[in-house]
Amino acid sequence: RMDGFELTASLRKDKLYKNIPLIIVTTRESDANKRRGLEAGADAYILKSEFTSEGLLNTIERLIG
């Protein structure tokens, strides 16, 4: 059993996922949780309270350029 932060860190250690952009979508709004997600290897951290499909597409576009 693992949470999303642990899953992100685990994926980053796997050669298959090392260079694939990872986005965390969460309800955890604190700066500490955002920092934890990014330190785990997420490329973006989106809050569910601010989620829009346009925002997600913009984030994906930014990440895959």
N, C-alpha and C. Protein backbone atom coordinates (compact mmCIF):
# COMPACT_ATOMS: atom_id res chain seq x y z
N ARG A 1 0.84 -1.18 0.00
CA ARG A 1 0.00 0.00 0.00
C ARG A 1 0.88 1.24 0.00
N MET A 2 0.50 2.21 -0.84
CA MET A 2 1.25 3.46 -0.86
C MET A 2 0.33 4.58 -1.27
N ASP A 3 0.70 5.78 -0.88
CA ASP A 3 -0.08 6.95 -1.29
C ASP A 3 0.48 7.47 -2.61
N GLY A 4 -0.11 8.53 -3.13
CA GLY A 4 0.31 9.08 -4.41
C GLY A 4 1.74 9.59 -4.43
N PHE A 5 2.20 10.10 -3.30
CA PHE A 5 3.57 10.59 -3.22
C PHE A 5 4.55 9.42 -3.33
N GLU A 6 4.24 8.34 -2.62
CA GLU A 6 5.09 7.15 -2.68
C GLU A 6 5.05 6.52 -4.07
N LEU A 7 3.86 6.51 -4.70
CA LEU A 7 3.74 5.99 -6.06
C LEU A 7 4.59 6.80 -7.03
N THR A 8 4.53 8.12 -6.91
CA THR A 8 5.32 9.00 -7.77
C THR A 8 6.81 8.71 -7.60
N ALA A 9 7.27 8.62 -6.37
CA ALA A 9 8.69 8.35 -6.11
C ALA A 9 9.08 6.98 -6.67
N SER A 10 8.20 6.00 -6.53
CA SER A 10 8.48 4.67 -7.04
C SER A 10 8.56 4.67 -8.57
N LEU A 11 7.64 5.38 -9.22
CA LEU A 11 7.68 5.46 -10.68
C LEU A 11 8.95 6.14 -11.17
N ARG A 12 9.39 7.15 -10.47
CA ARG A 12 10.60 7.86 -10.87
C ARG A 12 11.85 6.98 -10.82
N LYS A 13 11.82 5.96 -9.98
CA LYS A 13 12.95 5.04 -9.87
C LYS A 13 12.95 3.99 -10.98
N ASP A 14 11.80 3.81 -11.63
CA ASP A 14 11.65 2.80 -12.69
C ASP A 14 12.09 3.39 -14.03
N LYS A 15 12.97 2.68 -14.72
CA LYS A 15 13.50 3.17 -16.00
C LYS A 15 12.39 3.47 -17.01
N LEU A 16 11.30 2.71 -16.98
CA LEU A 16 10.20 2.92 -17.92
C LEU A 16 9.53 4.29 -17.74
N TYR A 17 9.50 4.79 -16.53
CA TYR A 17 8.77 6.02 -16.22
C TYR A 17 9.67 7.20 -15.90
N LYS A 18 10.96 6.99 -15.93
CA LYS A 18 11.91 8.02 -15.50
C LYS A 18 11.72 9.34 -16.25
N ASN A 19 11.43 9.28 -17.55
CA ASN A 19 11.34 10.50 -18.35
C ASN A 19 9.93 10.86 -18.78
N ILE A 20 8.94 10.16 -18.24
CA ILE A 20 7.54 10.47 -18.56
C ILE A 20 7.03 11.49 -17.56
N PRO A 21 6.42 12.58 -18.05
CA PRO A 21 5.89 13.59 -17.13
C PRO A 21 4.82 13.00 -16.21
N LEU A 22 4.92 13.33 -14.94
CA LEU A 22 3.95 12.89 -13.94
C LEU A 22 3.25 14.11 -13.36
N ILE A 23 1.93 14.05 -13.31
CA ILE A 23 1.13 15.14 -12.75
C ILE A 23 0.33 14.58 -11.58
N ILE A 24 0.43 15.25 -10.46
CA ILE A 24 -0.38 14.89 -9.29
C ILE A 24 -1.60 15.79 -9.28
N VAL A 25 -2.79 15.18 -9.19
CA VAL A 25 -4.05 15.91 -9.03
C VAL A 25 -4.58 15.50 -7.67
N THR A 26 -4.74 16.46 -6.78
CA THR A 26 -5.01 16.14 -5.38
C THR A 26 -5.88 17.18 -4.68
N THR A 27 -6.38 16.80 -3.52
CA THR A 27 -7.09 17.74 -2.66
C THR A 27 -6.16 18.34 -1.61
N ARG A 28 -4.95 17.82 -1.52
CA ARG A 28 -4.00 18.27 -0.49
C ARG A 28 -3.41 19.63 -0.90
N GLU A 29 -3.88 20.69 -0.25
CA GLU A 29 -3.57 22.04 -0.67
C GLU A 29 -2.38 22.69 0.02
N SER A 30 -1.83 22.09 1.04
CA SER A 30 -0.76 22.76 1.79
C SER A 30 0.52 22.86 0.97
N ASP A 31 1.29 23.89 1.27
CA ASP A 31 2.60 24.06 0.61
C ASP A 31 3.50 22.87 0.90
N ALA A 32 3.39 22.31 2.11
CA ALA A 32 4.22 21.16 2.48
C ALA A 32 3.89 19.96 1.59
N ASN A 33 2.61 19.73 1.32
CA ASN A 33 2.23 18.62 0.45
C ASN A 33 2.66 18.87 -0.99
N LYS A 34 2.53 20.09 -1.46
CA LYS A 34 2.97 20.41 -2.82
C LYS A 34 4.48 20.16 -2.93
N ARG A 35 5.22 20.63 -1.96
CA ARG A 35 6.67 20.42 -1.94
C ARG A 35 6.99 18.93 -1.92
N ARG A 36 6.26 18.18 -1.11
CA ARG A 36 6.47 16.73 -1.02
C ARG A 36 6.22 16.05 -2.37
N GLY A 37 5.18 16.47 -3.07
CA GLY A 37 4.87 15.89 -4.38
C GLY A 37 5.94 16.19 -5.40
N LEU A 38 6.40 17.43 -5.42
CA LEU A 38 7.43 17.81 -6.38
C LEU A 38 8.76 17.15 -6.04
N GLU A 39 9.07 17.03 -4.76
CA GLU A 39 10.30 16.35 -4.35
C GLU A 39 10.24 14.85 -4.66
N ALA A 40 9.03 14.29 -4.68
CA ALA A 40 8.87 12.87 -5.02
C ALA A 40 9.11 12.62 -6.50
N GLY A 41 9.05 13.71 -7.29
CA GLY A 41 9.33 13.56 -8.72
C GLY A 41 8.22 14.01 -9.65
N ALA A 42 7.13 14.55 -9.10
CA ALA A 42 6.06 15.05 -9.97
C ALA A 42 6.55 16.26 -10.75
N ASP A 43 6.08 16.37 -11.97
CA ASP A 43 6.43 17.52 -12.81
C ASP A 43 5.43 18.66 -12.64
N ALA A 44 4.25 18.33 -12.13
CA ALA A 44 3.23 19.35 -11.89
C ALA A 44 2.35 18.87 -10.74
N TYR A 45 1.73 19.83 -10.07
CA TYR A 45 0.88 19.56 -8.91
C TYR A 45 -0.37 20.41 -9.09
N ILE A 46 -1.50 19.75 -9.34
CA ILE A 46 -2.75 20.45 -9.61
C ILE A 46 -3.73 20.16 -8.48
N LEU A 47 -4.33 21.22 -7.95
CA LEU A 47 -5.32 21.07 -6.90
C LEU A 47 -6.69 20.79 -7.53
N LYS A 48 -7.41 19.84 -6.96
CA LYS A 48 -8.74 19.52 -7.49
C LYS A 48 -9.67 20.73 -7.41
N SER A 49 -9.49 21.57 -6.40
CA SER A 49 -10.35 22.75 -6.25
C SER A 49 -10.12 23.77 -7.36
N GLU A 50 -8.99 23.68 -8.05
CA GLU A 50 -8.67 24.59 -9.14
C GLU A 50 -8.65 23.90 -10.49
N PHE A 51 -9.04 22.63 -10.51
CA PHE A 51 -8.94 21.81 -11.72
C PHE A 51 -9.91 22.27 -12.80
N THR A 52 -9.39 22.40 -14.01
CA THR A 52 -10.21 22.56 -15.22
C THR A 52 -9.56 21.72 -16.30
N SER A 53 -10.36 21.26 -17.24
CA SER A 53 -9.78 20.47 -18.32
C SER A 53 -8.82 21.32 -19.14
N GLU A 54 -9.12 22.60 -19.31
CA GLU A 54 -8.23 23.50 -20.04
C GLU A 54 -6.89 23.64 -19.30
N GLY A 55 -6.95 23.78 -17.99
CA GLY A 55 -5.73 23.89 -17.20
C GLY A 55 -4.89 22.63 -17.30
N LEU A 56 -5.54 21.47 -17.28
CA LEU A 56 -4.82 20.21 -17.41
C LEU A 56 -4.15 20.12 -18.78
N LEU A 57 -4.88 20.47 -19.83
CA LEU A 57 -4.31 20.43 -21.18
C LEU A 57 -3.14 21.40 -21.32
N ASN A 58 -3.24 22.57 -20.71
CA ASN A 58 -2.14 23.53 -20.72
C ASN A 58 -0.90 22.97 -20.01
N THR A 59 -1.13 22.30 -18.91
CA THR A 59 -0.03 21.70 -18.15
C THR A 59 0.63 20.59 -18.98
N ILE A 60 -0.17 19.75 -19.60
CA ILE A 60 0.38 18.67 -20.44
C ILE A 60 1.17 19.26 -21.59
N GLU A 61 0.62 20.27 -22.23
CA GLU A 61 1.32 20.92 -23.36
C GLU A 61 2.65 21.50 -22.90
N ARG A 62 2.64 22.12 -21.73
CA ARG A 62 3.88 22.70 -21.20
C ARG A 62 4.92 21.62 -20.93
N LEU A 63 4.48 20.47 -20.43
CA LEU A 63 5.39 19.40 -20.06
C LEU A 63 5.95 18.64 -21.25
N ILE A 64 5.15 18.48 -22.29
CA ILE A 64 5.63 17.70 -23.43
C ILE A 64 6.09 18.59 -24.58
N GLY A 65 5.86 19.90 -24.41
CA GLY A 65 6.36 20.93 -25.30
C GLY A 65 6.11 20.76 -26.73
